[in-house]
Amino acid sequence: MSASAPEPLCLTIVHFPDGWRILANKERWGRFKYRVDAEEAAIRLARKAQEAGGQVTIWVQDLSGRLEGISAA
């Protein structure tokens, strides 16, 4: 039996009325006053997942509501 690779992780940073949140695996994670703080937290999560061999994408909501990708590198 071979070990399977972790499932790809998608982190999405979105704006809520009370601040910024990270959505991952159908859950909301954290509450951040500033977008940059949510981005930094998502990058930390992504790096941990990458160290464990996982693939990660990070999306962040821009001012118009569209999602744009950012790098965890």
N, C-alpha and C. Protein backbone atom coordinates (compact mmCIF):
# COMPACT_ATOMS: atom_id res chain seq x y z
N MET A 1 0.85 -1.18 0.00
CA MET A 1 0.00 0.00 0.00
C MET A 1 0.89 1.24 0.00
N SER A 2 0.66 2.17 -0.91
CA SER A 2 1.47 3.38 -0.98
C SER A 2 0.78 4.53 -0.26
N ALA A 3 1.61 5.41 0.25
CA ALA A 3 1.07 6.59 0.94
C ALA A 3 0.54 7.57 -0.10
N SER A 4 -0.61 8.11 0.15
CA SER A 4 -1.17 9.07 -0.80
C SER A 4 -0.75 10.49 -0.42
N ALA A 5 -0.65 11.32 -1.43
CA ALA A 5 -0.29 12.72 -1.21
C ALA A 5 -1.48 13.45 -0.60
N PRO A 6 -1.20 14.47 0.21
CA PRO A 6 -2.31 15.25 0.77
C PRO A 6 -3.14 15.89 -0.34
N GLU A 7 -4.42 16.07 -0.08
CA GLU A 7 -5.29 16.74 -1.06
C GLU A 7 -4.83 18.18 -1.24
N PRO A 8 -4.96 18.71 -2.46
CA PRO A 8 -4.62 20.12 -2.67
C PRO A 8 -5.46 21.02 -1.75
N LEU A 9 -4.85 22.06 -1.26
CA LEU A 9 -5.51 22.99 -0.35
C LEU A 9 -5.73 24.31 -1.07
N CYS A 10 -6.92 24.83 -1.00
CA CYS A 10 -7.24 26.14 -1.58
C CYS A 10 -7.63 27.07 -0.44
N LEU A 11 -6.86 28.13 -0.26
CA LEU A 11 -7.14 29.15 0.75
C LEU A 11 -7.67 30.38 0.03
N THR A 12 -8.81 30.88 0.47
CA THR A 12 -9.41 32.05 -0.15
C THR A 12 -9.63 33.11 0.91
N ILE A 13 -9.10 34.30 0.69
CA ILE A 13 -9.22 35.41 1.63
C ILE A 13 -10.34 36.32 1.13
N VAL A 14 -11.36 36.48 1.95
CA VAL A 14 -12.51 37.28 1.54
C VAL A 14 -12.85 38.32 2.61
N HIS A 15 -13.51 39.38 2.15
CA HIS A 15 -13.91 40.45 3.04
C HIS A 15 -15.33 40.21 3.55
N PHE A 16 -15.49 40.27 4.85
CA PHE A 16 -16.79 40.18 5.50
C PHE A 16 -17.04 41.53 6.16
N PRO A 17 -18.28 41.82 6.58
CA PRO A 17 -18.56 43.10 7.23
C PRO A 17 -17.68 43.37 8.46
N ASP A 18 -17.25 42.31 9.14
CA ASP A 18 -16.44 42.49 10.35
C ASP A 18 -14.94 42.32 10.12
N GLY A 19 -14.51 42.26 8.88
CA GLY A 19 -13.08 42.13 8.58
C GLY A 19 -12.82 41.08 7.52
N TRP A 20 -11.61 40.57 7.52
CA TRP A 20 -11.16 39.59 6.52
C TRP A 20 -11.11 38.21 7.14
N ARG A 21 -11.45 37.20 6.36
CA ARG A 21 -11.43 35.81 6.81
C ARG A 21 -10.75 34.96 5.76
N ILE A 22 -10.23 33.82 6.21
CA ILE A 22 -9.67 32.83 5.31
C ILE A 22 -10.68 31.68 5.22
N LEU A 23 -11.06 31.34 4.01
CA LEU A 23 -11.93 30.19 3.79
C LEU A 23 -11.05 29.04 3.33
N ALA A 24 -11.21 27.90 4.00
CA ALA A 24 -10.44 26.71 3.64
C ALA A 24 -11.25 25.48 4.02
N ASN A 25 -11.37 24.55 3.10
CA ASN A 25 -12.11 23.31 3.37
C ASN A 25 -13.51 23.58 3.91
N LYS A 26 -14.19 24.50 3.28
CA LYS A 26 -15.59 24.84 3.62
C LYS A 26 -15.75 25.42 5.03
N GLU A 27 -14.66 25.92 5.60
CA GLU A 27 -14.70 26.52 6.94
C GLU A 27 -14.13 27.94 6.87
N ARG A 28 -14.58 28.80 7.78
CA ARG A 28 -13.98 30.12 7.93
C ARG A 28 -12.91 30.02 9.00
N TRP A 29 -11.76 30.62 8.72
CA TRP A 29 -10.66 30.53 9.65
C TRP A 29 -10.15 31.94 9.95
N GLY A 30 -10.09 32.28 11.22
CA GLY A 30 -9.54 33.58 11.64
C GLY A 30 -10.45 34.74 11.33
N ARG A 31 -10.17 35.84 11.99
CA ARG A 31 -10.83 37.11 11.72
C ARG A 31 -9.75 38.17 11.82
N PHE A 32 -9.57 38.91 10.75
CA PHE A 32 -8.48 39.87 10.66
C PHE A 32 -9.03 41.24 10.32
N LYS A 33 -8.51 42.24 10.99
CA LYS A 33 -8.96 43.61 10.74
C LYS A 33 -8.46 44.09 9.37
N TYR A 34 -7.25 43.65 9.00
CA TYR A 34 -6.64 44.12 7.77
C TYR A 34 -6.37 42.96 6.81
N ARG A 35 -6.51 43.25 5.53
CA ARG A 35 -6.28 42.25 4.49
C ARG A 35 -4.87 41.68 4.58
N VAL A 36 -3.89 42.53 4.79
CA VAL A 36 -2.50 42.08 4.83
C VAL A 36 -2.28 41.05 5.95
N ASP A 37 -2.96 41.21 7.07
CA ASP A 37 -2.82 40.23 8.15
C ASP A 37 -3.39 38.88 7.75
N ALA A 38 -4.52 38.89 7.04
CA ALA A 38 -5.10 37.64 6.55
C ALA A 38 -4.19 36.99 5.51
N GLU A 39 -3.59 37.81 4.64
CA GLU A 39 -2.67 37.27 3.64
C GLU A 39 -1.47 36.61 4.31
N GLU A 40 -0.89 37.27 5.31
CA GLU A 40 0.27 36.71 6.00
C GLU A 40 -0.08 35.39 6.68
N ALA A 41 -1.26 35.31 7.29
CA ALA A 41 -1.69 34.08 7.94
C ALA A 41 -1.90 32.97 6.91
N ALA A 42 -2.49 33.30 5.77
CA ALA A 42 -2.71 32.31 4.72
C ALA A 42 -1.38 31.80 4.17
N ILE A 43 -0.42 32.67 4.02
CA ILE A 43 0.89 32.27 3.52
C ILE A 43 1.57 31.33 4.52
N ARG A 44 1.44 31.61 5.82
CA ARG A 44 1.99 30.71 6.83
C ARG A 44 1.34 29.33 6.75
N LEU A 45 0.00 29.30 6.62
CA LEU A 45 -0.70 28.02 6.47
C LEU A 45 -0.25 27.28 5.22
N ALA A 46 -0.10 28.01 4.13
CA ALA A 46 0.31 27.41 2.87
C ALA A 46 1.71 26.81 2.97
N ARG A 47 2.61 27.52 3.60
CA ARG A 47 3.98 27.01 3.73
C ARG A 47 4.02 25.73 4.55
N LYS A 48 3.21 25.66 5.62
CA LYS A 48 3.15 24.44 6.43
C LYS A 48 2.64 23.27 5.59
N ALA A 49 1.60 23.52 4.81
CA ALA A 49 1.05 22.47 3.95
C ALA A 49 2.06 22.04 2.89
N GLN A 50 2.79 23.00 2.33
CA GLN A 50 3.79 22.68 1.31
C GLN A 50 4.94 21.87 1.91
N GLU A 51 5.34 22.18 3.14
CA GLU A 51 6.40 21.43 3.81
C GLU A 51 5.98 19.97 4.02
N ALA A 52 4.67 19.74 4.16
CA ALA A 52 4.15 18.38 4.33
C ALA A 52 3.91 17.70 2.98
N GLY A 53 4.28 18.37 1.89
CA GLY A 53 4.15 17.78 0.57
C GLY A 53 2.87 18.13 -0.17
N GLY A 54 2.08 19.04 0.38
CA GLY A 54 0.81 19.40 -0.25
C GLY A 54 0.95 20.51 -1.27
N GLN A 55 -0.04 20.57 -2.14
CA GLN A 55 -0.13 21.66 -3.12
C GLN A 55 -1.14 22.68 -2.58
N VAL A 56 -0.80 23.95 -2.72
CA VAL A 56 -1.65 25.01 -2.16
C VAL A 56 -1.82 26.13 -3.16
N THR A 57 -3.04 26.64 -3.24
CA THR A 57 -3.30 27.88 -3.97
C THR A 57 -3.93 28.87 -3.00
N ILE A 58 -3.60 30.13 -3.19
CA ILE A 58 -4.16 31.19 -2.36
C ILE A 58 -4.83 32.21 -3.27
N TRP A 59 -6.07 32.53 -2.95
CA TRP A 59 -6.83 33.54 -3.68
C TRP A 59 -7.21 34.64 -2.70
N VAL A 60 -7.21 35.88 -3.17
CA VAL A 60 -7.62 37.00 -2.33
C VAL A 60 -8.60 37.87 -3.11
N GLN A 61 -9.62 38.32 -2.41
CA GLN A 61 -10.65 39.17 -3.02
C GLN A 61 -10.09 40.58 -3.20
N ASP A 62 -10.24 41.13 -4.41
CA ASP A 62 -9.78 42.50 -4.63
C ASP A 62 -10.92 43.48 -4.34
N LEU A 63 -10.67 44.76 -4.56
CA LEU A 63 -11.67 45.78 -4.22
C LEU A 63 -12.96 45.67 -5.02
N SER A 64 -12.88 45.05 -6.20
CA SER A 64 -14.09 44.89 -7.03
C SER A 64 -14.82 43.58 -6.73
N GLY A 65 -14.27 42.77 -5.82
CA GLY A 65 -14.91 41.50 -5.48
C GLY A 65 -14.36 40.30 -6.24
N ARG A 66 -13.50 40.54 -7.23
CA ARG A 66 -12.91 39.44 -7.98
C ARG A 66 -11.78 38.80 -7.18
N LEU A 67 -11.50 37.54 -7.50
CA LEU A 67 -10.41 36.83 -6.83
C LEU A 67 -9.16 36.89 -7.68
N GLU A 68 -8.03 37.14 -7.02
CA GLU A 68 -6.75 37.12 -7.70
C GLU A 68 -5.80 36.22 -6.91
N GLY A 69 -4.93 35.53 -7.60
CA GLY A 69 -4.01 34.62 -6.95
C GLY A 69 -2.81 35.33 -6.36
N ILE A 70 -2.32 34.81 -5.24
CA ILE A 70 -1.07 35.30 -4.67
C ILE A 70 -0.19 34.09 -4.41
N SER A 71 1.10 34.34 -4.27
CA SER A 71 2.07 33.26 -4.10
C SER A 71 2.43 33.08 -2.64
N ALA A 72 2.65 31.83 -2.26
CA ALA A 72 3.10 31.52 -0.91
C ALA A 72 4.61 31.46 -0.84
N ALA A 73 5.28 31.64 -1.98
CA ALA A 73 6.74 31.53 -2.02
C ALA A 73 7.43 32.69 -1.34
